[in-house]
Amino acid sequence: MCCLGFVKRVLPFALTFVVGLFIASFFVTIAAPNFQFPSRERRNNHRQYDQQIESENKRLKEININLRNQLLEQNSQEFSTSDLKYAVPPPPPAPNAVPSRSR
């Protein structure tokens, strides 16, 4: 009688647990995780890739600095003092004055 009460409580739990694992297996892998570490070759590939990216970033920064300097030089050449007199358009002509009527 003691064992019958234990079975009545454990059996539903075990069945529910098994059914839950079965349903979960459709969405998540239940297998044990793989603890193998990546080989050194893989790490070297990452190191090579990182060095390649760093060198490309340096090159792009230098190009960016050169382009900024060229733009600043262009802007400073555009607005020289001789060109400033033409920077503002001349004012429109004054309208003709209408003579007032005197009585």
N, C-alpha and C. Protein backbone atom coordinates (compact mmCIF):
# COMPACT_ATOMS: atom_id res chain seq x y z
N MET A 1 0.81 -1.17 0.00
CA MET A 1 0.00 0.00 0.00
C MET A 1 0.88 1.26 0.00
N CYS A 2 1.96 1.18 0.65
CA CYS A 2 2.90 2.28 0.67
C CYS A 2 3.47 2.50 -0.73
N CYS A 3 3.79 1.41 -1.38
CA CYS A 3 4.38 1.50 -2.73
C CYS A 3 3.34 1.95 -3.75
N LEU A 4 2.09 1.58 -3.55
CA LEU A 4 1.04 1.96 -4.48
C LEU A 4 0.86 3.48 -4.51
N GLY A 5 0.91 4.15 -3.39
CA GLY A 5 0.81 5.61 -3.32
C GLY A 5 1.99 6.28 -4.00
N PHE A 6 3.15 5.69 -3.81
CA PHE A 6 4.36 6.24 -4.44
C PHE A 6 4.26 6.13 -5.97
N VAL A 7 3.79 4.98 -6.46
CA VAL A 7 3.66 4.76 -7.90
C VAL A 7 2.60 5.71 -8.47
N LYS A 8 1.52 5.93 -7.72
CA LYS A 8 0.46 6.82 -8.19
C LYS A 8 0.96 8.26 -8.36
N ARG A 9 1.95 8.63 -7.58
CA ARG A 9 2.48 10.00 -7.68
C ARG A 9 3.63 10.10 -8.69
N VAL A 10 4.47 9.09 -8.77
CA VAL A 10 5.66 9.14 -9.63
C VAL A 10 5.30 8.81 -11.07
N LEU A 11 4.44 7.86 -11.32
CA LEU A 11 4.10 7.44 -12.68
C LEU A 11 3.52 8.59 -13.52
N PRO A 12 2.55 9.36 -13.04
CA PRO A 12 2.07 10.50 -13.85
C PRO A 12 3.17 11.54 -14.13
N PHE A 13 4.00 11.77 -13.11
CA PHE A 13 5.10 12.71 -13.32
C PHE A 13 6.05 12.21 -14.40
N ALA A 14 6.44 10.95 -14.35
CA ALA A 14 7.37 10.38 -15.32
C ALA A 14 6.76 10.41 -16.72
N LEU A 15 5.50 10.05 -16.84
CA LEU A 15 4.85 10.06 -18.15
C LEU A 15 4.76 11.49 -18.71
N THR A 16 4.42 12.44 -17.87
CA THR A 16 4.34 13.84 -18.31
C THR A 16 5.72 14.33 -18.74
N PHE A 17 6.74 13.95 -17.99
CA PHE A 17 8.10 14.35 -18.32
C PHE A 17 8.53 13.79 -19.67
N VAL A 18 8.25 12.52 -19.92
CA VAL A 18 8.62 11.87 -21.19
C VAL A 18 7.88 12.52 -22.35
N VAL A 19 6.59 12.78 -22.18
CA VAL A 19 5.81 13.43 -23.25
C VAL A 19 6.35 14.84 -23.50
N GLY A 20 6.71 15.56 -22.46
CA GLY A 20 7.28 16.90 -22.61
C GLY A 20 8.60 16.88 -23.36
N LEU A 21 9.45 15.91 -23.03
CA LEU A 21 10.72 15.77 -23.76
C LEU A 21 10.48 15.43 -25.22
N PHE A 22 9.52 14.58 -25.49
CA PHE A 22 9.21 14.21 -26.86
C PHE A 22 8.75 15.44 -27.67
N ILE A 23 7.88 16.25 -27.08
CA ILE A 23 7.40 17.45 -27.78
C ILE A 23 8.52 18.46 -27.92
N ALA A 24 9.35 18.61 -26.90
CA ALA A 24 10.46 19.56 -26.97
C ALA A 24 11.50 19.15 -28.00
N SER A 25 11.61 17.86 -28.26
CA SER A 25 12.62 17.39 -29.21
C SER A 25 12.34 17.89 -30.63
N PHE A 26 11.11 18.28 -30.91
CA PHE A 26 10.81 18.84 -32.23
C PHE A 26 11.41 20.24 -32.39
N PHE A 27 11.59 20.97 -31.29
CA PHE A 27 12.04 22.36 -31.35
C PHE A 27 13.49 22.55 -30.91
N VAL A 28 13.97 21.71 -29.99
CA VAL A 28 15.31 21.88 -29.42
C VAL A 28 16.01 20.53 -29.44
N THR A 29 17.32 20.54 -29.72
CA THR A 29 18.09 19.31 -29.67
C THR A 29 18.31 18.92 -28.22
N ILE A 30 17.99 17.71 -27.90
CA ILE A 30 18.11 17.25 -26.52
C ILE A 30 19.44 16.54 -26.30
N ALA A 31 20.22 16.33 -27.35
CA ALA A 31 21.50 15.63 -27.25
C ALA A 31 22.46 16.41 -26.36
N ALA A 32 23.44 15.71 -25.84
CA ALA A 32 24.44 16.34 -24.97
C ALA A 32 25.27 17.32 -25.79
N PRO A 33 25.72 18.42 -25.18
CA PRO A 33 26.51 19.41 -25.91
C PRO A 33 27.88 18.87 -26.29
N ASN A 34 28.45 19.41 -27.34
CA ASN A 34 29.77 19.01 -27.81
C ASN A 34 30.81 19.95 -27.21
N PHE A 35 31.71 19.42 -26.40
CA PHE A 35 32.70 20.25 -25.71
C PHE A 35 34.06 20.20 -26.38
N GLN A 36 34.14 19.86 -27.64
CA GLN A 36 35.42 19.83 -28.34
C GLN A 36 35.81 21.27 -28.67
N PHE A 37 37.08 21.60 -28.42
CA PHE A 37 37.57 22.94 -28.68
C PHE A 37 38.01 23.05 -30.13
N PRO A 38 37.87 24.23 -30.72
CA PRO A 38 38.29 24.39 -32.11
C PRO A 38 39.79 24.22 -32.26
N SER A 39 40.21 23.77 -33.41
CA SER A 39 41.64 23.53 -33.64
C SER A 39 42.38 24.85 -33.76
N ARG A 40 43.69 24.78 -33.68
CA ARG A 40 44.52 25.98 -33.79
C ARG A 40 44.40 26.61 -35.17
N GLU A 41 44.18 25.79 -36.18
CA GLU A 41 44.07 26.29 -37.54
C GLU A 41 42.91 27.28 -37.65
N ARG A 42 41.84 26.98 -37.00
CA ARG A 42 40.68 27.85 -37.02
C ARG A 42 41.00 29.19 -36.35
N ARG A 43 41.73 29.14 -35.25
CA ARG A 43 42.11 30.37 -34.55
C ARG A 43 43.04 31.21 -35.41
N ASN A 44 43.96 30.55 -36.14
CA ASN A 44 44.87 31.28 -37.01
C ASN A 44 44.11 31.96 -38.13
N ASN A 45 43.07 31.32 -38.64
CA ASN A 45 42.26 31.95 -39.68
C ASN A 45 41.59 33.21 -39.15
N HIS A 46 41.11 33.14 -37.92
CA HIS A 46 40.48 34.33 -37.32
C HIS A 46 41.52 35.43 -37.13
N ARG A 47 42.73 35.05 -36.70
CA ARG A 47 43.78 36.04 -36.49
C ARG A 47 44.14 36.71 -37.81
N GLN A 48 44.24 35.89 -38.87
CA GLN A 48 44.55 36.43 -40.20
C GLN A 48 43.45 37.39 -40.65
N TYR A 49 42.22 36.99 -40.44
CA TYR A 49 41.08 37.82 -40.84
C TYR A 49 41.10 39.14 -40.07
N ASP A 50 41.38 39.09 -38.77
CA ASP A 50 41.43 40.30 -37.96
C ASP A 50 42.53 41.24 -38.45
N GLN A 51 43.71 40.68 -38.78
CA GLN A 51 44.80 41.51 -39.28
C GLN A 51 44.44 42.13 -40.61
N GLN A 52 43.77 41.38 -41.46
CA GLN A 52 43.35 41.90 -42.75
C GLN A 52 42.36 43.06 -42.57
N ILE A 53 41.41 42.88 -41.67
CA ILE A 53 40.43 43.93 -41.41
C ILE A 53 41.10 45.18 -40.83
N GLU A 54 42.06 45.00 -39.93
CA GLU A 54 42.77 46.14 -39.34
C GLU A 54 43.54 46.92 -40.40
N SER A 55 44.22 46.21 -41.29
CA SER A 55 44.99 46.90 -42.33
C SER A 55 44.05 47.63 -43.29
N GLU A 56 42.93 47.02 -43.61
CA GLU A 56 41.96 47.68 -44.49
C GLU A 56 41.38 48.92 -43.82
N ASN A 57 41.10 48.84 -42.52
CA ASN A 57 40.58 50.00 -41.78
C ASN A 57 41.59 51.14 -41.78
N LYS A 58 42.87 50.82 -41.59
CA LYS A 58 43.91 51.86 -41.59
C LYS A 58 43.97 52.54 -42.96
N ARG A 59 43.92 51.71 -44.02
CA ARG A 59 43.98 52.25 -45.37
C ARG A 59 42.78 53.17 -45.63
N LEU A 60 41.60 52.73 -45.21
CA LEU A 60 40.40 53.55 -45.41
C LEU A 60 40.44 54.84 -44.61
N LYS A 61 41.02 54.80 -43.40
CA LYS A 61 41.16 56.02 -42.61
C LYS A 61 42.08 57.02 -43.31
N GLU A 62 43.18 56.51 -43.88
CA GLU A 62 44.10 57.40 -44.60
C GLU A 62 43.41 58.02 -45.82
N ILE A 63 42.66 57.23 -46.54
CA ILE A 63 41.93 57.75 -47.70
C ILE A 63 40.92 58.81 -47.26
N ASN A 64 40.25 58.54 -46.15
CA ASN A 64 39.26 59.49 -45.62
C ASN A 64 39.92 60.81 -45.25
N ILE A 65 41.07 60.75 -44.61
CA ILE A 65 41.79 61.97 -44.22
C ILE A 65 42.21 62.74 -45.46
N ASN A 66 42.73 62.02 -46.47
CA ASN A 66 43.13 62.69 -47.71
C ASN A 66 41.95 63.37 -48.39
N LEU A 67 40.81 62.71 -48.42
CA LEU A 67 39.63 63.30 -49.05
C LEU A 67 39.15 64.53 -48.29
N ARG A 68 39.20 64.49 -46.97
CA ARG A 68 38.81 65.66 -46.17
C ARG A 68 39.72 66.84 -46.46
N ASN A 69 41.04 66.55 -46.52
CA ASN A 69 42.00 67.62 -46.81
C ASN A 69 41.75 68.22 -48.19
N GLN A 70 41.47 67.37 -49.18
CA GLN A 70 41.18 67.87 -50.52
C GLN A 70 39.93 68.73 -50.52
N LEU A 71 38.91 68.32 -49.79
CA LEU A 71 37.68 69.09 -49.72
C LEU A 71 37.91 70.45 -49.06
N LEU A 72 38.70 70.46 -47.97
CA LEU A 72 39.01 71.74 -47.32
C LEU A 72 39.79 72.66 -48.25
N GLU A 73 40.73 72.10 -49.00
CA GLU A 73 41.49 72.92 -49.95
C GLU A 73 40.57 73.47 -51.04
N GLN A 74 39.67 72.64 -51.53
CA GLN A 74 38.73 73.08 -52.56
C GLN A 74 37.85 74.20 -52.04
N ASN A 75 37.34 74.05 -50.84
CA ASN A 75 36.47 75.07 -50.26
C ASN A 75 37.22 76.38 -50.04
N SER A 76 38.47 76.29 -49.61
CA SER A 76 39.23 77.51 -49.37
C SER A 76 39.57 78.19 -50.69
N GLN A 77 39.77 77.44 -51.75
CA GLN A 77 40.07 78.04 -53.05
C GLN A 77 38.84 78.66 -53.67
N GLU A 78 37.68 78.10 -53.42
CA GLU A 78 36.45 78.62 -54.01
C GLU A 78 36.13 80.03 -53.51
N PHE A 79 36.39 80.31 -52.26
CA PHE A 79 36.01 81.59 -51.66
C PHE A 79 37.23 82.47 -51.43
N SER A 80 37.96 82.72 -52.46
CA SER A 80 39.08 83.64 -52.31
C SER A 80 38.53 85.06 -52.30
N THR A 81 39.36 86.04 -51.97
CA THR A 81 38.89 87.42 -51.83
C THR A 81 38.48 88.01 -53.16
N SER A 82 39.08 87.58 -54.26
CA SER A 82 38.69 88.14 -55.56
C SER A 82 37.30 87.68 -55.96
N ASP A 83 36.89 86.51 -55.48
CA ASP A 83 35.57 86.00 -55.83
C ASP A 83 34.46 86.52 -54.92
N LEU A 84 34.82 87.15 -53.82
CA LEU A 84 33.80 87.60 -52.88
C LEU A 84 32.94 88.72 -53.45
N LYS A 85 33.49 89.54 -54.35
CA LYS A 85 32.69 90.64 -54.89
C LYS A 85 31.55 90.12 -55.76
N TYR A 86 31.69 88.89 -56.28
CA TYR A 86 30.63 88.31 -57.10
C TYR A 86 29.75 87.34 -56.32
N ALA A 87 30.01 87.20 -55.04
CA ALA A 87 29.26 86.24 -54.25
C ALA A 87 27.81 86.68 -54.03
N VAL A 88 27.58 88.00 -53.93
CA VAL A 88 26.23 88.52 -53.69
C VAL A 88 25.71 89.10 -55.01
N PRO A 89 24.53 88.69 -55.44
CA PRO A 89 24.02 89.24 -56.71
C PRO A 89 23.68 90.72 -56.56
N PRO A 90 23.72 91.45 -57.65
CA PRO A 90 23.39 92.89 -57.55
C PRO A 90 21.92 93.06 -57.21
N PRO A 91 21.56 94.17 -56.57
CA PRO A 91 20.16 94.38 -56.19
C PRO A 91 19.31 94.64 -57.44
N PRO A 92 18.03 94.35 -57.37
CA PRO A 92 17.16 94.59 -58.53
C PRO A 92 16.98 96.09 -58.75
N PRO A 93 16.66 96.48 -59.96
CA PRO A 93 16.49 97.92 -60.21
C PRO A 93 15.29 98.47 -59.43
N ALA A 94 15.38 99.73 -59.07
CA ALA A 94 14.31 100.37 -58.30
C ALA A 94 13.10 100.55 -59.19
N PRO A 95 11.91 100.43 -58.64
CA PRO A 95 10.72 100.61 -59.46
C PRO A 95 10.56 102.08 -59.86
N ASN A 96 9.94 102.30 -61.00
CA ASN A 96 9.72 103.67 -61.46
C ASN A 96 8.75 104.37 -60.53
N ALA A 97 9.08 105.60 -60.21
CA ALA A 97 8.23 106.38 -59.31
C ALA A 97 7.03 106.93 -60.10
N VAL A 98 5.87 106.69 -59.55
CA VAL A 98 4.65 107.19 -60.18
C VAL A 98 4.42 108.62 -59.68
N PRO A 99 4.24 109.57 -60.59
CA PRO A 99 4.01 110.94 -60.13
C PRO A 99 2.68 111.06 -59.40
N SER A 100 2.69 111.76 -58.32
CA SER A 100 1.46 111.93 -57.57
C SER A 100 0.59 113.02 -58.22
N ARG A 101 -0.68 112.89 -58.12
CA ARG A 101 -1.60 113.89 -58.70
C ARG A 101 -1.78 115.03 -57.71
N SER A 102 -1.63 116.19 -58.20
CA SER A 102 -1.87 117.33 -57.33
C SER A 102 -3.23 117.96 -57.71
N ARG A 103 -3.97 118.45 -56.84
CA ARG A 103 -5.31 118.99 -57.09
C ARG A 103 -5.27 120.39 -57.41
